[in-house]
Amino acid sequence: MTNYDSFFIGGKWVPPAGTGTLEVISPATEEPVGRVPEATNADMDRAVAAAREAFDLGPWPRMAPGERAEVMAAVSAAITERMDEFARLITSENGCPYSFSIMGQVFAATAVLDFFTGLTREFPFEETRQGMLGPSLVRHEPVGVTAGIIPWNVPLFITMLKLAPALASGSTMVLKPAPETPLDANVLAGILDDAGLPPGVVNIVPAGREVGEHLVRHADVDKVSFTGSTAAGRKIGGICGEQLKRCTLELGGKSASIICADADLGAVIPGLLPAALMNNGQACVAQTRILAPRARYAEVRDALAEAVAAYKVGDPLDPETECGPLVAERQRERVEGYIAAGRAEGATLVVDGRDQDVPAGGFFLGTTLMDHVTPEMTVYTDEIFGPVLCVVRADTYEEGLALINDNPYANGTAIFTRDGGAARHFQYDVQVGMVGINVPVPVPVAYYSFGGWKASLFGDTHMYGAEGMSFYTRGKVVTARWPDPATSAVDLGFPRTR
């Protein structure tokens, strides 16, 4: 058991204002693995106040970028040293396979942090441009106090996708981990403290939805970054719109792949399946819709069925496991409900995960493949967020393209073909934020921008990568005829606070 009785606020571990607790249950064993206090509005107010003070009066926004980069590098090194500990802890929290936890949860998080550490040293926080009245100074200043609302599926990775650019910019942050996965965030808190991060720059306060909304509404929060469901994102976006507050909303997905008639299935399927079933199917970029042409439809379906049925479901701490349990009983029930709805609407179960041999106990559901899926079905339109794939027939390239584009989500898609002309047309014709040509859509790290269109992302078309810095900076243009430096000691008639 990993238990905490306090929150990391203002660089200290402070007792909670309330008595509520959040118990973390292992999805694999249904046994408790840890406990943390559950924040109240008063706790969140204290965290925001600490972040506000650290931004308005503290050294972090005023440090040279290179100094901030040194602290960030120390954080990355400490996470790397404890990679196995983080991976095992996150697996115990959300049930993701250990192999994915090492690469997708921890290594990917340090890759993000390392990228922004380097960018901090190189980014043009100040640059001179020629204007109509002479040279102007263009500044990219930190946005201020930010709120990072983290989901349970990839907690450390998504924390770093928000925290790394915030730290790089000189902003401060209040992190609200998901109730299911607060433990790894508290381990991170200790690392941040040991690395020399000034008090209040990062404050970590696990809480439920209502207190999370209080954080979003808080008048002293300048920007909100949220990752989660589209429904919750719409509400957060509405609040931020009312307050004219900046927000970034990374939302749902229903990614697709199209396998053309000339594709080599022996090469395609082994690479596609891990992208389709990553993190037990609980990923917004998972390739859950697989389109195949009439001429090879049965062949594609059968090849997928063989691979899906052979996917190893089991103990997530076993390095050989490819698919672990779903995060909670409610999530398993939700996915089973989608499978039942698909059957009721006319889909066929080629591989039924409910009948597969899975461990007793825990929230396991075997990998599933559905056939005869048509665009009006719920399993085609909705994000299932579980190990369920749908194979869909597309008689022509144009029909396949229309099937991909006619969806409210638009994170990413991939095409598998030997026809270079078709692939080149596809990259322009498809209406998504990321495109893979003979590779599954890449998982976002940091070296390139990531983002969806439509209902998958709000706030900009892309984030992370070098583009991600703009989410945490605000522009200021200074056009001046500078006075003689010798007059800088003149009494201005009012006190200078900085």
Protein backbone atom coordinates (compact mmCIF):
# COMPACT_ATOMS: atom_id res chain seq x y z
CA MET A 1 0.00 0.00 0.00
CA THR A 2 1.21 3.48 -0.90
CA ASN A 3 -0.60 5.92 1.39
CA TYR A 4 -0.41 9.70 1.67
CA ASP A 5 -2.10 11.93 4.24
CA SER A 6 -1.26 15.37 2.81
CA PHE A 7 -1.07 17.48 -0.35
CA PHE A 8 2.00 18.96 -2.04
CA ILE A 9 1.21 22.69 -1.96
CA GLY A 10 3.64 25.59 -1.85
CA GLY A 11 6.66 23.29 -1.73
CA LYS A 12 5.44 21.55 1.43
CA TRP A 13 3.31 18.59 2.36
CA VAL A 14 0.27 20.14 4.03
CA PRO A 15 -2.70 18.49 5.78
CA PRO A 16 -6.06 18.46 3.97
CA ALA A 17 -8.93 20.73 4.95
CA GLY A 18 -11.42 17.87 4.81
CA THR A 19 -11.61 14.22 5.85
CA GLY A 20 -12.41 12.55 2.52
CA THR A 21 -10.05 10.03 0.95
CA LEU A 22 -9.53 8.50 -2.48
CA GLU A 23 -8.80 4.78 -2.42
CA VAL A 24 -6.85 3.41 -5.37
CA ILE A 25 -8.00 -0.06 -6.41
CA SER A 26 -5.87 -2.39 -8.53
CA PRO A 27 -7.79 -3.19 -11.74
CA ALA A 28 -6.01 -6.57 -11.85
CA THR A 29 -6.77 -7.79 -8.33
CA GLU A 30 -9.56 -5.48 -7.10
CA GLU A 31 -7.44 -4.96 -3.97
CA PRO A 32 -6.48 -1.53 -2.61
CA VAL A 33 -2.99 -0.38 -3.57
CA GLY A 34 -2.98 3.08 -2.03
CA ARG A 35 -4.88 5.99 -0.54
CA VAL A 36 -4.65 9.78 -0.72
CA PRO A 37 -6.71 12.64 0.73
CA GLU A 38 -9.53 13.95 -1.44
CA ALA A 39 -9.28 17.70 -1.93
CA THR A 40 -12.00 20.16 -1.05
CA ASN A 41 -12.55 23.59 -2.55
CA ALA A 42 -10.53 25.03 0.34
CA ASP A 43 -7.56 22.82 -0.56
CA MET A 44 -7.80 23.88 -4.18
CA ASP A 45 -7.96 27.54 -3.16
CA ARG A 46 -4.77 27.08 -1.15
CA ALA A 47 -3.03 25.45 -4.12
CA VAL A 48 -4.06 28.23 -6.51
CA ALA A 49 -2.92 30.86 -4.01
CA ALA A 50 0.49 29.16 -3.79
CA ALA A 51 0.79 29.06 -7.59
CA ARG A 52 -0.31 32.70 -7.81
CA GLU A 53 2.29 33.83 -5.28
CA ALA A 54 5.00 31.79 -6.99
CA PHE A 55 4.17 33.43 -10.30
CA ASP A 56 3.66 36.99 -9.10
CA LEU A 57 6.48 37.17 -6.56
CA GLY A 58 8.65 34.09 -6.93
CA PRO A 59 11.85 33.55 -8.88
CA TRP A 60 10.68 30.99 -11.45
CA PRO A 61 9.24 33.34 -14.12
CA ARG A 62 12.23 35.66 -13.65
CA MET A 63 14.94 33.04 -13.95
CA ALA A 64 17.06 32.89 -17.06
CA PRO A 65 15.70 30.17 -19.36
CA GLY A 66 18.92 28.20 -18.92
CA GLU A 67 18.39 28.10 -15.16
CA ARG A 68 14.90 26.70 -15.60
CA ALA A 69 16.31 24.14 -18.02
CA GLU A 70 18.80 22.91 -15.41
CA VAL A 71 15.98 22.17 -12.94
CA MET A 72 13.95 20.42 -15.66
CA ALA A 73 16.95 18.28 -16.60
CA ALA A 74 17.35 17.22 -12.99
CA VAL A 75 13.69 16.19 -12.86
CA SER A 76 14.06 14.08 -16.00
CA ALA A 77 17.17 12.35 -14.65
CA ALA A 78 15.41 11.52 -11.38
CA ILE A 79 12.37 10.07 -13.18
CA THR A 80 14.67 7.97 -15.35
CA GLU A 81 16.44 6.59 -12.28
CA ARG A 82 13.07 5.50 -10.90
CA MET A 83 11.58 4.31 -14.19
CA ASP A 84 10.77 0.80 -12.99
CA GLU A 85 9.16 2.14 -9.81
CA PHE A 86 6.98 4.54 -11.78
CA ALA A 87 6.02 1.88 -14.33
CA ARG A 88 4.97 -0.63 -11.71
CA LEU A 89 3.07 1.97 -9.73
CA ILE A 90 1.13 3.22 -12.74
CA THR A 91 0.35 -0.35 -13.79
CA SER A 92 -1.00 -1.02 -10.31
CA GLU A 93 -3.16 2.11 -10.59
CA ASN A 94 -4.72 1.72 -14.04
CA GLY A 95 -3.92 -1.81 -15.22
CA CYS A 96 -1.87 -0.97 -18.31
CA PRO A 97 0.65 -3.66 -19.34
CA TYR A 98 4.09 -3.21 -17.79
CA SER A 99 5.70 -3.12 -21.24
CA PHE A 100 3.47 -0.20 -22.23
CA SER A 101 4.00 1.44 -18.85
CA ILE A 102 7.78 1.51 -19.32
CA MET A 103 7.60 2.99 -22.82
CA GLY A 104 4.27 4.80 -23.01
CA GLN A 105 3.96 6.04 -19.46
CA VAL A 106 7.50 6.78 -18.25
CA PHE A 107 9.99 6.86 -21.13
CA ALA A 108 7.61 8.97 -23.20
CA ALA A 109 7.23 11.38 -20.27
CA THR A 110 10.99 11.88 -19.99
CA ALA A 111 11.23 12.31 -23.77
CA VAL A 112 8.72 15.17 -23.53
CA LEU A 113 10.59 16.74 -20.63
CA ASP A 114 13.95 16.38 -22.37
CA PHE A 115 12.58 18.01 -25.51
CA PHE A 116 11.22 21.03 -23.66
CA THR A 117 14.41 21.26 -21.61
CA GLY A 118 16.34 21.72 -24.83
CA LEU A 119 13.72 24.06 -26.27
CA THR A 120 13.89 26.23 -23.14
CA ARG A 121 17.57 26.89 -23.85
CA GLU A 122 16.90 27.82 -27.49
CA PHE A 123 13.46 29.42 -27.58
CA PRO A 124 13.39 33.12 -28.60
CA PHE A 125 11.66 34.48 -25.52
CA GLU A 126 12.77 37.91 -26.72
CA GLU A 127 13.44 39.00 -30.29
CA THR A 128 13.84 42.32 -32.04
CA ARG A 129 11.79 43.07 -35.14
CA GLN A 130 11.80 46.11 -37.36
CA GLY A 131 8.60 48.13 -37.15
CA MET A 132 7.23 51.31 -38.73
CA LEU A 133 8.59 53.47 -35.88
CA GLY A 134 11.85 51.63 -35.51
CA PRO A 135 12.93 48.41 -33.78
CA SER A 136 10.38 46.69 -31.54
CA LEU A 137 10.99 44.10 -28.89
CA VAL A 138 8.70 41.06 -29.12
CA ARG A 139 8.47 39.14 -25.87
CA HIS A 140 6.97 35.71 -25.23
CA GLU A 141 6.07 35.85 -21.55
CA PRO A 142 4.69 33.05 -19.35
CA VAL A 143 0.93 32.81 -19.42
CA GLY A 144 0.62 32.76 -15.62
CA VAL A 145 -1.11 30.31 -13.29
CA THR A 146 -2.21 27.20 -15.17
CA ALA A 147 -4.47 24.30 -14.26
CA GLY A 148 -3.53 20.82 -15.51
CA ILE A 149 -6.40 18.32 -15.33
CA ILE A 150 -5.01 14.83 -15.91
CA PRO A 151 -6.84 11.66 -17.07
CA TRP A 152 -6.23 8.17 -15.70
CA ASN A 153 -5.17 6.39 -18.88
CA VAL A 154 -1.62 7.79 -19.28
CA PRO A 155 -1.18 9.94 -16.16
CA LEU A 156 2.56 10.67 -16.03
CA PHE A 157 2.88 11.13 -19.78
CA ILE A 158 -0.04 13.56 -20.04
CA THR A 159 1.11 15.34 -16.90
CA MET A 160 4.40 16.01 -18.63
CA LEU A 161 2.73 17.10 -21.87
CA LYS A 162 1.17 19.91 -19.82
CA LEU A 163 3.81 20.49 -17.16
CA ALA A 164 6.95 20.52 -19.32
CA PRO A 165 5.91 23.45 -21.57
CA ALA A 166 4.46 25.28 -18.56
CA LEU A 167 7.78 25.00 -16.72
CA ALA A 168 9.70 25.92 -19.84
CA SER A 169 7.66 29.10 -20.25
CA GLY A 170 8.07 30.19 -16.62
CA SER A 171 4.42 29.56 -15.72
CA THR A 172 3.20 27.87 -12.54
CA MET A 173 0.70 25.03 -12.32
CA VAL A 174 -1.91 23.34 -10.15
CA LEU A 175 -2.13 19.68 -11.15
CA LYS A 176 -5.31 17.73 -10.49
CA PRO A 177 -4.62 14.02 -10.99
CA ALA A 178 -7.53 11.71 -11.73
CA PRO A 179 -9.02 9.98 -8.64
CA GLU A 180 -7.98 6.61 -10.11
CA THR A 181 -4.28 7.51 -10.52
CA PRO A 182 -3.04 9.96 -7.87
CA LEU A 183 -0.10 7.94 -6.54
CA ASP A 184 2.43 8.50 -9.32
CA ALA A 185 1.73 12.25 -9.15
CA ASN A 186 2.77 12.31 -5.49
CA VAL A 187 5.99 10.48 -6.32
CA LEU A 188 6.61 13.16 -8.94
CA ALA A 189 6.03 15.83 -6.28
CA GLY A 190 8.95 14.54 -4.26
CA ILE A 191 11.18 14.57 -7.34
CA LEU A 192 10.23 18.17 -8.17
CA ASP A 193 11.05 19.24 -4.64
CA ASP A 194 14.41 17.45 -4.62
CA ALA A 195 15.33 18.99 -7.99
CA GLY A 196 15.14 22.48 -6.52
CA LEU A 197 11.88 23.71 -8.01
CA PRO A 198 10.88 26.86 -6.11
CA PRO A 199 7.90 26.54 -3.73
CA GLY A 200 4.50 26.91 -5.33
CA VAL A 201 5.60 26.46 -8.93
CA VAL A 202 3.86 23.07 -9.02
CA ASN A 203 1.08 22.06 -6.63
CA ILE A 204 -0.53 18.62 -6.76
CA VAL A 205 -4.07 18.19 -5.47
CA PRO A 206 -6.04 14.99 -6.27
CA ALA A 207 -9.78 15.62 -6.41
CA GLY A 208 -13.05 14.63 -7.98
CA ARG A 209 -15.09 16.33 -10.68
CA GLU A 210 -16.79 18.99 -8.54
CA VAL A 211 -13.55 20.30 -7.04
CA GLY A 212 -11.99 20.11 -10.48
CA GLU A 213 -14.73 22.43 -11.74
CA HIS A 214 -13.93 24.79 -8.86
CA LEU A 215 -10.33 24.87 -10.11
CA VAL A 216 -11.47 25.66 -13.65
CA ARG A 217 -13.69 28.51 -12.44
CA HIS A 218 -11.07 29.99 -10.11
CA ALA A 219 -10.46 33.66 -10.87
CA ASP A 220 -6.71 33.34 -10.28
CA VAL A 221 -6.24 30.62 -12.91
CA ASP A 222 -5.11 32.10 -16.22
CA LYS A 223 -5.20 28.99 -18.41
CA VAL A 224 -6.76 25.52 -18.22
CA SER A 225 -5.35 22.44 -19.93
CA PHE A 226 -7.72 19.46 -19.85
CA THR A 227 -7.47 15.95 -21.25
CA GLY A 228 -10.55 13.75 -21.03
CA SER A 229 -13.98 13.16 -22.49
CA THR A 230 -15.53 15.43 -25.07
CA ALA A 231 -18.60 15.93 -22.86
CA ALA A 232 -16.49 17.19 -19.95
CA GLY A 233 -14.40 19.26 -22.35
CA ARG A 234 -17.47 21.04 -23.68
CA LYS A 235 -18.41 22.07 -20.15
CA ILE A 236 -14.90 23.28 -19.35
CA GLY A 237 -14.74 25.14 -22.63
CA GLY A 238 -18.03 26.85 -21.82
CA ILE A 239 -16.75 27.99 -18.43
CA CYS A 240 -13.51 29.29 -19.91
CA GLY A 241 -15.44 31.04 -22.66
CA GLU A 242 -17.63 32.84 -20.14
CA GLN A 243 -14.54 34.01 -18.29
CA LEU A 244 -12.50 34.73 -21.44
CA LYS A 245 -9.90 32.35 -20.06
CA ARG A 246 -7.47 30.47 -22.27
CA CYS A 247 -7.97 26.72 -22.49
CA THR A 248 -6.66 23.69 -24.31
CA LEU A 249 -8.99 20.70 -24.54
CA GLU A 250 -7.62 17.35 -25.67
CA LEU A 251 -10.70 15.19 -26.11
CA GLY A 252 -12.00 11.95 -27.58
CA GLY A 253 -10.97 9.98 -30.64
CA LYS A 254 -12.19 7.35 -33.06
CA SER A 255 -9.14 6.83 -35.24
CA ALA A 256 -9.26 4.74 -38.38
CA SER A 257 -6.93 2.81 -40.66
CA ILE A 258 -7.60 1.92 -44.28
CA ILE A 259 -5.97 -1.23 -45.66
CA CYS A 260 -5.88 -1.05 -49.44
CA ALA A 261 -6.15 -4.03 -51.78
CA ASP A 262 -2.42 -3.99 -52.56
CA ALA A 263 -1.27 -4.01 -48.90
CA ASP A 264 0.96 -6.75 -47.52
CA LEU A 265 -1.12 -8.08 -44.61
CA GLY A 266 1.82 -10.01 -43.22
CA ALA A 267 3.58 -6.71 -42.64
CA VAL A 268 0.55 -4.55 -41.82
CA ILE A 269 -1.27 -6.54 -39.13
CA PRO A 270 1.64 -7.02 -36.67
CA GLY A 271 2.31 -3.28 -36.67
CA LEU A 272 -1.30 -2.16 -36.69
CA LEU A 273 -2.58 -4.26 -33.80
CA PRO A 274 -0.46 -2.68 -31.04
CA ALA A 275 -1.61 0.74 -32.26
CA ALA A 276 -5.22 -0.43 -32.26
CA LEU A 277 -5.14 -2.05 -28.82
CA MET A 278 -2.56 0.09 -27.02
CA ASN A 279 -3.10 0.62 -23.30
CA ASN A 280 -5.88 -1.99 -23.27
CA GLY A 281 -7.72 0.04 -25.92
CA GLN A 282 -7.87 3.03 -23.58
CA ALA A 283 -6.16 5.61 -25.77
CA CYS A 284 -7.57 8.46 -27.86
CA VAL A 285 -5.26 7.64 -30.78
CA ALA A 286 -6.12 3.90 -30.86
CA GLN A 287 -6.85 2.71 -34.41
CA THR A 288 -10.21 1.14 -33.60
CA ARG A 289 -11.88 1.42 -37.03
CA ILE A 290 -10.21 -0.71 -39.68
CA LEU A 291 -11.46 -0.28 -43.23
CA ALA A 292 -10.89 -2.94 -45.88
CA PRO A 293 -11.83 -3.22 -49.60
CA ARG A 294 -14.47 -5.64 -50.82
CA ALA A 295 -11.94 -7.68 -52.79
CA ARG A 296 -9.90 -8.56 -49.68
CA TYR A 297 -12.45 -7.93 -46.96
CA ALA A 298 -12.72 -11.55 -45.78
CA GLU A 299 -8.95 -11.96 -45.88
CA VAL A 300 -8.37 -8.81 -43.79
CA ARG A 301 -11.10 -9.80 -41.32
CA ASP A 302 -9.72 -13.30 -40.88
CA ALA A 303 -6.14 -12.07 -40.43
CA LEU A 304 -7.31 -9.57 -37.83
CA ALA A 305 -9.40 -12.22 -36.07
CA GLU A 306 -6.43 -14.56 -35.77
CA ALA A 307 -4.20 -11.81 -34.39
CA VAL A 308 -6.85 -10.40 -32.02
CA ALA A 309 -7.68 -13.85 -30.62
CA ALA A 310 -3.97 -14.54 -30.03
CA TYR A 311 -3.38 -11.26 -28.17
CA LYS A 312 -2.21 -12.14 -24.67
CA VAL A 313 -4.58 -10.88 -21.99
CA GLY A 314 -3.37 -11.29 -18.43
CA ASP A 315 -1.53 -9.96 -15.41
CA PRO A 316 -0.40 -6.45 -16.40
CA LEU A 317 2.83 -6.81 -14.41
CA ASP A 318 3.84 -9.79 -16.56
CA PRO A 319 6.23 -8.41 -19.21
CA GLU A 320 4.67 -10.78 -21.78
CA THR A 321 1.14 -9.42 -21.31
CA GLU A 322 -0.17 -7.37 -24.23
CA CYS A 323 -3.57 -6.41 -22.80
CA GLY A 324 -4.40 -5.95 -19.12
CA PRO A 325 -7.66 -5.16 -17.33
CA LEU A 326 -9.79 -2.10 -17.86
CA VAL A 327 -9.35 0.63 -15.28
CA ALA A 328 -12.52 -0.03 -13.27
CA GLU A 329 -15.67 -2.10 -13.12
CA ARG A 330 -17.70 0.80 -14.52
CA GLN A 331 -15.39 0.91 -17.55
CA ARG A 332 -15.73 -2.81 -18.20
CA GLU A 333 -19.52 -2.51 -17.95
CA ARG A 334 -19.43 0.42 -20.35
CA VAL A 335 -17.42 -1.52 -22.93
CA GLU A 336 -19.59 -4.61 -22.54
CA GLY A 337 -22.59 -2.35 -23.11
CA TYR A 338 -21.13 -1.21 -26.42
CA ILE A 339 -20.51 -4.82 -27.48
CA ALA A 340 -24.13 -5.67 -26.68
CA ALA A 341 -25.35 -2.58 -28.54
CA GLY A 342 -23.29 -3.54 -31.59
CA ARG A 343 -24.85 -6.97 -31.70
CA ALA A 344 -28.33 -5.52 -31.26
CA GLU A 345 -27.72 -3.15 -34.18
CA GLY A 346 -26.60 -5.97 -36.50
CA ALA A 347 -22.85 -6.31 -36.01
CA THR A 348 -21.28 -9.75 -35.75
CA LEU A 349 -18.76 -10.79 -33.12
CA VAL A 350 -15.85 -12.46 -34.88
CA VAL A 351 -13.86 -12.57 -31.63
CA ASP A 352 -15.86 -12.11 -28.43
CA GLY A 353 -13.67 -10.90 -25.59
CA ARG A 354 -16.33 -11.82 -23.07
CA ASP A 355 -15.79 -15.49 -23.90
CA GLN A 356 -11.99 -15.43 -23.85
CA ASP A 357 -9.91 -17.02 -21.13
CA VAL A 358 -8.97 -14.13 -18.83
CA PRO A 359 -7.74 -14.10 -15.22
CA ALA A 360 -10.33 -14.59 -12.50
CA GLY A 361 -10.91 -11.39 -10.55
CA GLY A 362 -10.01 -7.95 -11.76
CA PHE A 363 -11.72 -5.94 -14.48
CA PHE A 364 -10.54 -8.02 -17.42
CA LEU A 365 -12.18 -8.16 -20.82
CA GLY A 366 -10.67 -10.08 -23.70
CA THR A 367 -9.80 -8.47 -27.01
CA THR A 368 -12.80 -8.22 -29.34
CA LEU A 369 -13.35 -7.90 -33.09
CA MET A 370 -16.68 -6.90 -34.63
CA ASP A 371 -17.71 -7.50 -38.25
CA HIS A 372 -20.56 -6.19 -40.43
CA VAL A 373 -20.20 -2.79 -38.79
CA THR A 374 -21.89 0.06 -40.65
CA PRO A 375 -21.57 3.84 -40.17
CA GLU A 376 -24.88 4.31 -38.39
CA MET A 377 -23.99 1.90 -35.59
CA THR A 378 -23.05 3.13 -32.12
CA VAL A 379 -19.85 1.06 -32.12
CA TYR A 380 -18.78 2.87 -35.28
CA THR A 381 -19.52 6.42 -34.16
CA ASP A 382 -18.70 6.38 -30.42
CA GLU A 383 -15.34 6.10 -28.69
CA ILE A 384 -15.60 2.73 -26.91
CA PHE A 385 -12.31 3.11 -24.98
CA GLY A 386 -11.64 -0.58 -24.60
CA PRO A 387 -10.07 -3.48 -26.50
CA VAL A 388 -12.76 -3.56 -29.20
CA LEU A 389 -12.00 -3.21 -32.93
CA CYS A 390 -14.46 -2.83 -35.80
CA VAL A 391 -13.72 -3.98 -39.34
CA VAL A 392 -15.68 -2.04 -41.96
CA ARG A 393 -16.06 -2.62 -45.70
CA ALA A 394 -15.22 0.18 -48.13
CA ASP A 395 -15.84 -0.65 -51.78
CA THR A 396 -13.78 2.22 -53.21
CA TYR A 397 -11.03 4.61 -52.12
CA GLU A 398 -13.57 7.44 -52.20
CA GLU A 399 -15.97 5.53 -49.97
CA GLY A 400 -13.20 4.72 -47.51
CA LEU A 401 -12.14 8.35 -47.41
CA ALA A 402 -15.73 9.45 -46.80
CA LEU A 403 -16.12 6.89 -43.99
CA ILE A 404 -13.03 8.24 -42.27
CA ASN A 405 -13.96 11.89 -42.71
CA ASP A 406 -17.61 11.49 -41.71
CA ASN A 407 -16.95 11.29 -37.98
CA PRO A 408 -16.97 13.92 -35.23
CA TYR A 409 -13.52 12.84 -34.04
CA ALA A 410 -10.40 13.48 -36.08
CA ASN A 411 -7.24 12.65 -34.16
CA GLY A 412 -5.43 10.53 -36.70
CA THR A 413 -5.60 7.93 -39.41
CA ALA A 414 -3.32 5.65 -41.41
CA ILE A 415 -3.30 4.23 -44.92
CA PHE A 416 -1.53 1.01 -45.90
CA THR A 417 -0.79 0.76 -49.61
CA ARG A 418 1.99 0.24 -52.16
CA ASP A 419 0.48 2.92 -54.40
CA GLY A 420 2.50 6.09 -53.86
CA GLY A 421 0.03 8.21 -55.77
CA ALA A 422 -2.91 7.09 -53.64
CA ALA A 423 -0.92 7.70 -50.46
CA ARG A 424 0.01 11.21 -51.56
CA HIS A 425 -3.59 12.05 -52.36
CA PHE A 426 -4.70 10.59 -49.04
CA GLN A 427 -2.50 12.84 -46.95
CA TYR A 428 -4.29 15.87 -48.41
CA ASP A 429 -7.81 14.43 -48.68
CA VAL A 430 -8.21 13.05 -45.16
CA GLN A 431 -9.60 15.45 -42.54
CA VAL A 432 -7.57 14.61 -39.45
CA GLY A 433 -4.72 16.11 -37.46
CA MET A 434 -2.20 13.29 -37.98
CA VAL A 435 -1.65 10.91 -40.89
CA GLY A 436 0.40 7.73 -41.10
CA ILE A 437 1.54 6.38 -44.47
CA ASN A 438 2.25 2.66 -44.09
CA VAL A 439 2.82 3.23 -40.38
CA PRO A 440 0.22 3.45 -37.64
CA VAL A 441 -0.43 7.00 -36.50
CA PRO A 442 2.49 7.76 -34.20
CA VAL A 443 1.91 8.16 -30.49
CA PRO A 444 2.60 11.80 -29.56
CA VAL A 445 5.84 12.40 -27.75
CA ALA A 446 7.42 15.78 -28.22
CA TYR A 447 9.57 15.92 -31.30
CA TYR A 448 6.62 16.71 -33.51
CA SER A 449 3.35 18.47 -32.89
CA PHE A 450 0.28 16.46 -31.99
CA GLY A 451 -3.33 17.32 -32.34
CA GLY A 452 -6.67 16.43 -33.78
CA TRP A 453 -9.39 18.32 -35.55
CA LYS A 454 -13.13 18.62 -34.97
CA ALA A 455 -14.27 17.29 -31.57
CA SER A 456 -10.85 15.82 -30.72
CA LEU A 457 -9.08 19.07 -29.84
CA PHE A 458 -10.02 22.60 -28.97
CA GLY A 459 -7.64 25.45 -28.39
CA ASP A 460 -5.46 25.13 -31.46
CA THR A 461 -5.02 22.65 -34.27
CA HIS A 462 -1.82 21.22 -32.81
CA MET A 463 0.02 21.16 -29.53
CA TYR A 464 3.25 19.83 -28.10
CA GLY A 465 6.47 19.91 -30.02
CA ALA A 466 7.81 23.40 -30.63
CA GLU A 467 4.23 24.53 -31.21
CA GLY A 468 3.39 23.59 -27.63
CA MET A 469 5.31 26.52 -26.19
CA SER A 470 2.75 28.94 -27.62
CA PHE A 471 0.07 27.40 -25.39
CA TYR A 472 1.92 28.62 -22.31
CA THR A 473 3.20 32.02 -23.45
CA ARG A 474 1.52 35.30 -24.26
CA GLY A 475 2.90 37.96 -26.54
CA LYS A 476 3.97 41.47 -25.67
CA VAL A 477 5.36 44.04 -28.08
CA VAL A 478 7.50 46.86 -26.77
CA THR A 479 8.06 49.79 -29.14
CA ALA A 480 10.22 52.45 -27.54
CA ARG A 481 12.56 55.35 -27.80
CA TRP A 482 14.72 54.34 -24.89
CA PRO A 483 15.81 57.10 -22.49
CA ASP A 484 19.43 57.61 -21.61
CA PRO A 485 20.51 54.78 -19.25
CA ALA A 486 22.10 57.42 -17.03
CA THR A 487 18.61 58.63 -16.08
CA SER A 488 17.47 55.24 -14.81
CA ALA A 489 17.80 56.34 -11.18
CA VAL A 490 15.32 59.18 -11.59
CA ASP A 491 12.39 59.09 -9.15
CA LEU A 492 9.42 57.85 -11.17
CA GLY A 493 6.89 59.25 -8.74
CA PHE A 494 5.58 55.82 -7.73
CA PRO A 495 7.26 52.78 -6.19
CA ARG A 496 8.68 50.07 -8.42
CA THR A 497 7.87 46.58 -7.19
CA ARG A 498 10.26 44.70 -9.51
